[in-house]
PDB file of N, CA and C in Angstrom:
ATOM      1  N   MET A   1      -9.500  41.812  50.346  1.00  0.00           N
ATOM      2  CA  MET A   1      -9.861  40.686  49.535  1.00  0.00           C
ATOM      3  C   MET A   1     -11.163  40.173  49.845  1.00  0.00           C
ATOM      4  N   ARG A   2     -12.060  40.224  48.639  1.00  0.00           N
ATOM      5  CA  ARG A   2     -13.468  40.115  48.772  1.00  0.00           C
ATOM      6  C   ARG A   2     -13.780  38.360  48.192  1.00  0.00           C
ATOM      7  N   ILE A   3     -14.665  38.156  49.073  1.00  0.00           N
ATOM      8  CA  ILE A   3     -15.074  36.891  49.271  1.00  0.00           C
ATOM      9  C   ILE A   3     -16.385  36.494  48.243  1.00  0.00           C
ATOM     10  N   GLU A   4     -16.946  38.144  48.643  1.00  0.00           N
ATOM     11  CA  GLU A   4     -18.502  37.739  47.491  1.00  0.00           C
ATOM     12  C   GLU A   4     -17.865  37.562  46.195  1.00  0.00           C
ATOM     13  N   ALA A   5     -16.574  38.330  45.550  1.00  0.00           N
ATOM     14  CA  ALA A   5     -16.335  38.121  44.238  1.00  0.00           C
ATOM     15  C   ALA A   5     -15.992  36.770  43.703  1.00  0.00           C
ATOM     16  N   TYR A   6     -15.324  36.146  44.784  1.00  0.00           N
ATOM     17  CA  TYR A   6     -15.150  34.694  44.410  1.00  0.00           C
ATOM     18  C   TYR A   6     -16.276  33.693  44.464  1.00  0.00           C
ATOM     19  N   ASN A   7     -17.454  33.979  45.035  1.00  0.00           N
ATOM     20  CA  ASN A   7     -18.830  33.258  44.699  1.00  0.00           C
ATOM     21  C   ASN A   7     -19.122  33.638  43.472  1.00  0.00           C
ATOM     22  N   GLN A   8     -19.147  34.487  43.279  1.00  0.00           N
ATOM     23  CA  GLN A   8     -19.456  34.820  42.101  1.00  0.00           C
ATOM     24  C   GLN A   8     -19.043  34.303  40.535  1.00  0.00           C
ATOM     25  N   ILE A   9     -17.650  34.016  41.038  1.00  0.00           N
ATOM     26  CA  ILE A   9     -16.840  33.453  39.768  1.00  0.00           C
ATOM     27  C   ILE A   9     -17.366  32.238  39.739  1.00  0.00           C
ATOM     28  N   ILE A  10     -17.466  31.924  40.629  1.00  0.00           N
ATOM     29  CA  ILE A  10     -17.734  30.087  41.043  1.00  0.00           C
ATOM     30  C   ILE A  10     -18.972  29.655  40.425  1.00  0.00           C
ATOM     31  N   GLN A  11     -20.161  31.052  40.734  1.00  0.00           N
ATOM     32  CA  GLN A  11     -21.652  30.333  40.570  1.00  0.00           C
ATOM     33  C   GLN A  11     -21.397  30.522  38.860  1.00  0.00           C
ATOM     34  N   THR A  12     -20.944  31.204  38.067  1.00  0.00           N
ATOM     35  CA  THR A  12     -20.386  31.909  36.482  1.00  0.00           C
ATOM     36  C   THR A  12     -19.815  30.453  36.147  1.00  0.00           C
ATOM     37  N   TYR A  13     -18.799  29.978  36.545  1.00  0.00           N
ATOM     38  CA  TYR A  13     -18.039  28.643  36.068  1.00  0.00           C
ATOM     39  C   TYR A  13     -19.024  27.532  36.130  1.00  0.00           C
ATOM     40  N   ASN A  14     -19.916  27.213  37.205  1.00  0.00           N
ATOM     41  CA  ASN A  14     -20.875  26.342  37.401  1.00  0.00           C
ATOM     42  C   ASN A  14     -22.035  26.435  36.120  1.00  0.00           C
ATOM     43  N   SER A  15     -22.148  27.501  35.799  1.00  0.00           N
ATOM     44  CA  SER A  15     -23.347  27.961  35.086  1.00  0.00           C
ATOM     45  C   SER A  15     -22.598  27.453  33.501  1.00  0.00           C
ATOM     46  N   THR A  16     -22.007  27.437  33.079  1.00  0.00           N
ATOM     47  CA  THR A  16     -21.074  27.454  31.686  1.00  0.00           C
ATOM     48  C   THR A  16     -20.527  26.131  31.398  1.00  0.00           C
ATOM     49  N   ARG A  17     -19.882  24.977  32.800  1.00  0.00           N
ATOM     50  CA  ARG A  17     -19.355  24.292  32.546  1.00  0.00           C
ATOM     51  C   ARG A  17     -20.836  23.211  31.756  1.00  0.00           C
ATOM     52  N   PRO A  18     -19.816  22.203  30.972  1.00  0.00           N
ATOM     53  CA  PRO A  18     -20.606  21.808  29.957  1.00  0.00           C
ATOM     54  C   PRO A  18     -21.669  20.497  30.593  1.00  0.00           C
ATOM     55  N   SER A  19     -22.647  19.789  30.531  1.00  0.00           N
ATOM     56  CA  SER A  19     -23.402  19.118  31.256  1.00  0.00           C
ATOM     57  C   SER A  19     -22.366  18.019  30.786  1.00  0.00           C
ATOM     58  N   LYS A  20     -22.911  16.749  31.571  1.00  0.00           N
ATOM     59  CA  LYS A  20     -21.893  15.422  31.494  1.00  0.00           C
ATOM     60  C   LYS A  20     -22.713  14.743  30.267  1.00  0.00           C
ATOM     61  N   ALA A  21     -21.598  13.840  29.788  1.00  0.00           N
ATOM     62  CA  ALA A  21     -21.792  13.249  28.453  1.00  0.00           C
ATOM     63  C   ALA A  21     -22.891  12.228  28.603  1.00  0.00           C
ATOM     64  N   LYS A  22     -24.028  11.406  27.845  1.00  0.00           N
ATOM     65  CA  LYS A  22     -24.515  10.407  28.108  1.00  0.00           C
ATOM     66  C   LYS A  22     -23.550   9.069  27.983  1.00  0.00           C
ATOM     67  N   SER A  23     -23.903   8.614  28.787  1.00  0.00           N
ATOM     68  CA  SER A  23     -23.380   7.124  29.154  1.00  0.00           C
ATOM     69  C   SER A  23     -23.392   6.320  27.714  1.00  0.00           C
ATOM     70  N   ALA A  24     -22.202   5.635  27.297  1.00  0.00           N
ATOM     71  CA  ALA A  24     -22.454   4.980  25.731  1.00  0.00           C
ATOM     72  C   ALA A  24     -23.914   3.911  25.934  1.00  0.00           C
ATOM     73  N   ALA A  25     -24.326   3.499  27.090  1.00  0.00           N
ATOM     74  CA  ALA A  25     -24.881   2.117  26.958  1.00  0.00           C
ATOM     75  C   ALA A  25     -26.327   3.182  26.433  1.00  0.00           C
ATOM     76  N   SER A  26     -26.834   4.375  26.160  1.00  0.00           N
ATOM     77  CA  SER A  26     -28.218   5.282  25.889  1.00  0.00           C
ATOM     78  C   SER A  26     -27.794   5.409  24.740  1.00  0.00           C
ATOM     79  N   THR A  27     -26.341   5.286  23.990  1.00  0.00           N
ATOM     80  CA  THR A  27     -26.623   5.188  22.910  1.00  0.00           C
ATOM     81  C   THR A  27     -27.064   4.456  21.719  1.00  0.00           C
ATOM     82  N   ASP A  28     -27.347   4.715  20.335  1.00  0.00           N
ATOM     83  CA  ASP A  28     -27.566   3.464  19.198  1.00  0.00           C
ATOM     84  C   ASP A  28     -26.890   3.593  18.578  1.00  0.00           C
ATOM     85  N   TRP A  29     -25.395   3.862  18.724  1.00  0.00           N
ATOM     86  CA  TRP A  29     -24.140   3.560  17.601  1.00  0.00           C
ATOM     87  C   TRP A  29     -23.665   2.392  17.961  1.00  0.00           C
ATOM     88  N   ARG A  30     -23.701   1.585  16.498  1.00  0.00           N
ATOM     89  CA  ARG A  30     -23.394   0.386  16.144  1.00  0.00           C
ATOM     90  C   ARG A  30     -22.039   0.853  15.300  1.00  0.00           C
ATOM     91  N   ASP A  31     -21.058   0.072  15.383  1.00  0.00           N
ATOM     92  CA  ASP A  31     -19.696  -0.196  14.463  1.00  0.00           C
ATOM     93  C   ASP A  31     -20.012  -0.803  13.516  1.00  0.00           C
ATOM     94  N   GLN A  32     -19.091   0.004  12.116  1.00  0.00           N
ATOM     95  CA  GLN A  32     -19.808  -0.461  10.854  1.00  0.00           C
ATOM     96  C   GLN A  32     -18.352  -0.492  10.362  1.00  0.00           C
ATOM     97  N   VAL A  33     -18.369  -1.268   9.018  1.00  0.00           N
ATOM     98  CA  VAL A  33     -17.355  -1.719   8.333  1.00  0.00           C
ATOM     99  C   VAL A  33     -17.834  -1.174   7.117  1.00  0.00           C
ATOM    100  N   GLN A  34     -17.144  -0.645   6.076  1.00  0.00           N
ATOM    101  CA  GLN A  34     -17.368  -0.806   4.725  1.00  0.00           C
ATOM    102  C   GLN A  34     -15.869  -0.987   4.031  1.00  0.00           C
ATOM    103  N   ILE A  35     -16.506  -1.572   3.105  1.00  0.00           N
ATOM    104  CA  ILE A  35     -15.111  -2.393   2.323  1.00  0.00           C
ATOM    105  C   ILE A  35     -15.295  -1.468   0.652  1.00  0.00           C
ATOM    106  N   SER A  36     -13.842  -0.844   0.983  1.00  0.00           N
ATOM    107  CA  SER A  36     -14.234  -0.415  -0.926  1.00  0.00           C
ATOM    108  C   SER A  36     -13.952  -1.138  -1.605  1.00  0.00           C
ATOM    109  N   SER A  37     -14.665  -1.027  -2.942  1.00  0.00           N
ATOM    110  CA  SER A  37     -14.796  -1.910  -3.989  1.00  0.00           C
ATOM    111  C   SER A  37     -13.497  -2.111  -4.513  1.00  0.00           C
ATOM    112  N   ARG A  38     -12.529  -1.715  -4.405  1.00  0.00           N
ATOM    113  CA  ARG A  38     -10.556  -2.086  -4.664  1.00  0.00           C
ATOM    114  C   ARG A  38     -10.327  -2.980  -3.894  1.00  0.00           C
ATOM    115  N   GLY A  39     -11.087  -2.766  -2.028  1.00  0.00           N
ATOM    116  CA  GLY A  39     -10.629  -4.033  -1.193  1.00  0.00           C
ATOM    117  C   GLY A  39     -10.934  -5.292  -1.558  1.00  0.00           C
ATOM    118  N   TYR A  40     -12.496  -5.105  -2.210  1.00  0.00           N
ATOM    119  CA  TYR A  40     -13.267  -6.287  -2.562  1.00  0.00           C
ATOM    120  C   TYR A  40     -12.827  -6.797  -3.097  1.00  0.00           C
ATOM    121  N   ASP A  41     -12.571  -6.413  -4.746  1.00  0.00           N
ATOM    122  CA  ASP A  41     -11.759  -7.120  -5.406  1.00  0.00           C
ATOM    123  C   ASP A  41     -10.262  -7.935  -5.119  1.00  0.00           C
ATOM    124  N   TYR A  42      -9.720  -7.081  -4.452  1.00  0.00           N
ATOM    125  CA  TYR A  42      -8.564  -7.616  -3.860  1.00  0.00           C
ATOM    126  C   TYR A  42      -8.260  -9.204  -3.050  1.00  0.00           C
ATOM    127  N   GLN A  43      -9.714  -8.852  -1.989  1.00  0.00           N
ATOM    128  CA  GLN A  43      -9.770 -10.300  -1.503  1.00  0.00           C
ATOM    129  C   GLN A  43     -10.074 -11.236  -2.023  1.00  0.00           C
ATOM    130  N   ILE A  44     -11.433 -11.206  -3.045  1.00  0.00           N
ATOM    131  CA  ILE A  44     -11.601 -12.119  -4.068  1.00  0.00           C
ATOM    132  C   ILE A  44     -10.480 -12.644  -4.963  1.00  0.00           C
ATOM    133  N   ALA A  45      -9.566 -11.687  -5.218  1.00  0.00           N
ATOM    134  CA  ALA A  45      -8.294 -12.209  -6.085  1.00  0.00           C
ATOM    135  C   ALA A  45      -7.575 -13.123  -5.488  1.00  0.00           C
ATOM    136  N   LYS A  46      -7.172 -12.820  -4.047  1.00  0.00           N
ATOM    137  CA  LYS A  46      -6.488 -13.343  -3.071  1.00  0.00           C
ATOM    138  C   LYS A  46      -7.148 -14.780  -2.705  1.00  0.00           C
ATOM    139  N   GLN A  47      -8.574 -14.644  -2.447  1.00  0.00           N
ATOM    140  CA  GLN A  47      -8.942 -16.011  -2.142  1.00  0.00           C
ATOM    141  C   GLN A  47      -8.820 -17.196  -3.415  1.00  0.00           C
ATOM    142  N   ALA A  48      -8.595 -16.399  -4.791  1.00  0.00           N
ATOM    143  CA  ALA A  48      -8.678 -17.007  -6.150  1.00  0.00           C
ATOM    144  C   ALA A  48      -7.137 -17.462  -5.888  1.00  0.00           C
ATOM    145  N   VAL A  49      -6.416 -16.885  -6.027  1.00  0.00           N
ATOM    146  CA  VAL A  49      -4.994 -17.758  -5.908  1.00  0.00           C
ATOM    147  C   VAL A  49      -4.421 -18.378  -4.953  1.00  0.00           C
ATOM    148  N   ALA A  50      -5.536 -18.244  -3.633  1.00  0.00           N
ATOM    149  CA  ALA A  50      -5.315 -19.203  -2.483  1.00  0.00           C
ATOM    150  C   ALA A  50      -5.819 -20.696  -2.594  1.00  0.00           C
ATOM    151  N   GLU A  51      -6.896 -20.788  -3.631  1.00  0.00           N
ATOM    152  CA  GLU A  51      -7.613 -21.789  -4.001  1.00  0.00           C
ATOM    153  C   GLU A  51      -7.172 -22.147  -5.314  1.00  0.00           C
ATOM    154  N   THR A  52      -6.297 -22.099  -5.730  1.00  0.00           N
ATOM    155  CA  THR A  52      -5.140 -22.400  -6.986  1.00  0.00           C
ATOM    156  C   THR A  52      -4.076 -23.091  -6.851  1.00  0.00           C
ATOM    157  N   PRO A  53      -4.367 -24.390  -7.104  1.00  0.00           N
ATOM    158  CA  PRO A  53      -3.135 -25.236  -6.836  1.00  0.00           C
ATOM    159  C   PRO A  53      -1.601 -24.825  -7.057  1.00  0.00           C
ATOM    160  N   ASP A  54      -1.058 -25.305  -6.301  1.00  0.00           N
ATOM    161  CA  ASP A  54       0.747 -24.843  -6.258  1.00  0.00           C
ATOM    162  C   ASP A  54       1.484 -25.393  -8.011  1.00  0.00           C
ATOM    163  N   ILE A  55       0.984 -27.136  -8.187  1.00  0.00           N
ATOM    164  CA  ILE A  55       0.881 -27.770  -8.940  1.00  0.00           C
ATOM    165  C   ILE A  55       0.537 -27.728 -10.124  1.00  0.00           C
ATOM    166  N   ARG A  56       0.519 -27.983 -11.568  1.00  0.00           N
ATOM    167  CA  ARG A  56      -0.554 -28.016 -12.384  1.00  0.00           C
ATOM    168  C   ARG A  56      -0.565 -29.353 -12.928  1.00  0.00           C
ATOM    169  N   GLU A  57      -1.160 -30.118 -12.710  1.00  0.00           N
ATOM    170  CA  GLU A  57      -1.348 -31.680 -12.547  1.00  0.00           C
ATOM    171  C   GLU A  57      -1.490 -31.788 -14.322  1.00  0.00           C
ATOM    172  N   ASP A  58      -2.281 -30.687 -14.870  1.00  0.00           N
ATOM    173  CA  ASP A  58      -2.561 -31.625 -16.222  1.00  0.00           C
ATOM    174  C   ASP A  58      -0.906 -31.430 -17.115  1.00  0.00           C
ATOM    175  N   ARG A  59      -0.528 -30.471 -16.521  1.00  0.00           N
ATOM    176  CA  ARG A  59       1.001 -30.131 -17.513  1.00  0.00           C
ATOM    177  C   ARG A  59       2.042 -31.048 -16.977  1.00  0.00           C
ATOM    178  N   VAL A  60       1.485 -31.412 -15.347  1.00  0.00           N
ATOM    179  CA  VAL A  60       2.951 -32.317 -15.207  1.00  0.00           C
ATOM    180  C   VAL A  60       2.996 -33.527 -15.340  1.00  0.00           C
ATOM    181  N   ALA A  61       1.523 -34.232 -15.329  1.00  0.00           N
ATOM    182  CA  ALA A  61       1.382 -35.930 -15.521  1.00  0.00           C
ATOM    183  C   ALA A  61       1.922 -36.038 -16.607  1.00  0.00           C
ATOM    184  N   PRO A  62       1.459 -35.278 -17.806  1.00  0.00           N
ATOM    185  CA  PRO A  62       2.373 -36.157 -19.432  1.00  0.00           C
ATOM    186  C   PRO A  62       4.018 -36.264 -19.030  1.00  0.00           C
ATOM    187  N   LEU A  63       5.004 -35.604 -18.669  1.00  0.00           N
ATOM    188  CA  LEU A  63       6.192 -35.165 -18.261  1.00  0.00           C
ATOM    189  C   LEU A  63       6.331 -36.200 -17.521  1.00  0.00           C
ATOM    190  N   LYS A  64       5.624 -36.140 -16.763  1.00  0.00           N
ATOM    191  CA  LYS A  64       5.885 -38.008 -15.553  1.00  0.00           C
ATOM    192  C   LYS A  64       5.820 -38.741 -16.185  1.00  0.00           C
ATOM    193  N   ASN A  65       5.080 -38.719 -17.253  1.00  0.00           N
ATOM    194  CA  ASN A  65       4.936 -40.072 -17.740  1.00  0.00           C
ATOM    195  C   ASN A  65       5.956 -40.499 -18.782  1.00  0.00           C
ATOM    196  N   SER A  66       6.242 -39.661 -19.418  1.00  0.00           N
ATOM    197  CA  SER A  66       7.133 -39.875 -20.802  1.00  0.00           C
ATOM    198  C   SER A  66       8.654 -39.899 -19.775  1.00  0.00           C
ATOM    199  N   ILE A  67       9.194 -38.943 -18.773  1.00  0.00           N
ATOM    200  CA  ILE A  67      10.266 -39.819 -18.238  1.00  0.00           C
ATOM    201  C   ILE A  67      10.015 -40.684 -17.669  1.00  0.00           C
ATOM    202  N   ALA A  68       9.047 -41.588 -16.994  1.00  0.00           N
ATOM    203  CA  ALA A  68       9.069 -42.418 -16.549  1.00  0.00           C
ATOM    204  C   ALA A  68       9.049 -43.829 -18.008  1.00  0.00           C
ATOM    205  N   SER A  69       8.760 -43.785 -18.721  1.00  0.00           N
ATOM    206  CA  SER A  69       8.932 -44.609 -19.611  1.00  0.00           C
ATOM    207  C   SER A  69      10.121 -44.228 -20.821  1.00  0.00           C
ATOM    208  N   GLY A  70      10.873 -43.429 -19.954  1.00  0.00           N
ATOM    209  CA  GLY A  70      12.125 -43.107 -21.099  1.00  0.00           C
ATOM    210  C   GLY A  70      12.363 -42.530 -22.165  1.00  0.00           C
ATOM    211  N   SER A  71      11.223 -41.739 -22.534  1.00  0.00           N
ATOM    212  CA  SER A  71      10.597 -41.585 -24.033  1.00  0.00           C
ATOM    213  C   SER A  71      10.558 -39.516 -23.924  1.00  0.00           C
ATOM    214  N   TYR A  72      11.261 -38.986 -22.688  1.00  0.00           N
ATOM    215  CA  TYR A  72      11.830 -37.845 -22.411  1.00  0.00           C
ATOM    216  C   TYR A  72      12.970 -37.884 -23.041  1.00  0.00           C
ATOM    217  N   LYS A  73      13.418 -36.745 -23.549  1.00  0.00           N
ATOM    218  CA  LYS A  73      14.548 -36.114 -24.778  1.00  0.00           C
ATOM    219  C   LYS A  73      14.473 -34.794 -24.425  1.00  0.00           C
ATOM    220  N   VAL A  74      15.686 -34.012 -23.754  1.00  0.00           N
ATOM    221  CA  VAL A  74      15.955 -33.173 -23.934  1.00  0.00           C
ATOM    222  C   VAL A  74      17.171 -32.781 -24.479  1.00  0.00           C
ATOM    223  N   GLU A  75      17.284 -31.684 -25.347  1.00  0.00           N
ATOM    224  CA  GLU A  75      18.285 -31.418 -26.600  1.00  0.00           C
ATOM    225  C   GLU A  75      19.568 -30.843 -25.796  1.00  0.00           C
ATOM    226  N   PRO A  76      20.703 -30.940 -25.772  1.00  0.00           N
ATOM    227  CA  PRO A  76      21.690 -30.029 -24.989  1.00  0.00           C
ATOM    228  C   PRO A  76      21.602 -28.851 -25.116  1.00  0.00           C
ATOM    229  N   GLY A  77      21.683 -28.529 -26.583  1.00  0.00           N
ATOM    230  CA  GLY A  77      21.688 -27.500 -26.592  1.00  0.00           C
ATOM    231  C   GLY A  77      20.342 -26.527 -26.240  1.00  0.00           C
ATOM    232  N   ASP A  78      19.195 -26.706 -26.111  1.00  0.00           N
ATOM    233  CA  ASP A  78      17.921 -26.020 -25.853  1.00  0.00           C
ATOM    234  C   ASP A  78      18.061 -25.796 -24.309  1.00  0.00           C
ATOM    235  N   PHE A  79      19.102 -26.644 -23.672  1.00  0.00           N
ATOM    236  CA  PHE A  79      19.078 -27.219 -22.271  1.00  0.00           C
ATOM    237  C   PHE A  79      19.686 -25.649 -22.148  1.00  0.00           C
ATOM    238  N   ALA A  80      21.644 -25.979 -22.612  1.00  0.00           N
ATOM    239  CA  ALA A  80      22.006 -24.194 -22.306  1.00  0.00           C
ATOM    240  C   ALA A  80      21.567 -23.229 -22.645  1.00  0.00           C
ATOM    241  N   ALA A  81      20.862 -23.265 -23.868  1.00  0.00           N
ATOM    242  CA  ALA A  81      20.199 -22.101 -24.066  1.00  0.00           C
ATOM    243  C   ALA A  81      19.451 -21.329 -22.948  1.00  0.00           C
ATOM    244  N   LYS A  82      18.622 -22.204 -22.256  1.00  0.00           N
ATOM    245  CA  LYS A  82      17.590 -21.686 -21.390  1.00  0.00           C
ATOM    246  C   LYS A  82      18.217 -21.267 -19.852  1.00  0.00           C
ATOM    247  N   LEU A  83      19.613 -22.117 -19.755  1.00  0.00           N
ATOM    248  CA  LEU A  83      20.283 -22.170 -18.751  1.00  0.00           C
ATOM    249  C   LEU A  83      21.159 -20.801 -19.043  1.00  0.00           C
ATOM    250  N   ILE A  84      21.490 -20.344 -19.873  1.00  0.00           N
ATOM    251  CA  ILE A  84      22.423 -19.216 -20.210  1.00  0.00           C
ATOM    252  C   ILE A  84      20.775 -17.599 -19.828  1.00  0.00           C
ATOM    253  N   GLU A  85      19.701 -18.201 -20.327  1.00  0.00           N
ATOM    254  CA  GLU A  85      18.849 -17.062 -20.600  1.00  0.00           C
ATOM    255  C   GLU A  85      18.969 -16.393 -19.208  1.00  0.00           C
ATOM    256  N   LYS A  86      18.397 -17.765 -18.249  1.00  0.00           N
ATOM    257  CA  LYS A  86      18.179 -17.613 -17.184  1.00  0.00           C
ATOM    258  C   LYS A  86      19.547 -16.847 -16.135  1.00  0.00           C
ATOM    259  N   TYR A  87      20.559 -17.284 -16.356  1.00  0.00           N
ATOM    260  CA  TYR A  87      21.416 -16.582 -15.959  1.00  0.00           C
ATOM    261  C   TYR A  87      22.022 -15.326 -16.097  1.00  0.00           C
ATOM    262  N   GLU A  88      21.838 -14.841 -17.434  1.00  0.00           N
ATOM    263  CA  GLU A  88      21.656 -13.342 -17.497  1.00  0.00           C
ATOM    264  C   GLU A  88      20.328 -12.545 -17.548  1.00  0.00           C
ATOM    265  N   ALA A  89      19.475 -13.303 -17.002  1.00  0.00           N
ATOM    266  CA  ALA A  89      18.201 -12.352 -16.248  1.00  0.00           C
ATOM    267  C   ALA A  89      18.452 -11.955 -14.577  1.00  0.00           C
ATOM    268  N   TYR A  90      19.582 -12.824 -14.497  1.00  0.00           N
ATOM    269  CA  TYR A  90      19.256 -12.314 -12.548  1.00  0.00           C
ATOM    270  C   TYR A  90      20.936 -11.807 -12.398  1.00  0.00           C
ATOM    271  N   ARG A  91      21.668 -11.161 -13.515  1.00  0.00           N
ATOM    272  CA  ARG A  91      23.041 -10.224 -13.385  1.00  0.00           C
ATOM    273  C   ARG A  91      22.743  -9.128 -13.311  1.00  0.00           C
TER     274      ARG A  91
END
């Protein structure tokens, strides 16, 4: 067994070993986030929907007033037609 050969292998290995990586503190990298135009449009649409009220007072107020005054009339045939239309939509 030749010890000299072992020493030569160690020397070769040490010379080809990659140098240690630079520490993270010495780099100038900064994290960045880029949002696509589609993502930005989605964000704007989502915000607009969130700001929209659930109840449209301009449509509800006249109905409330007519119900309160007793002048709101529903035709039974119209009501039945809408009821059947909704029922068949879920079937």
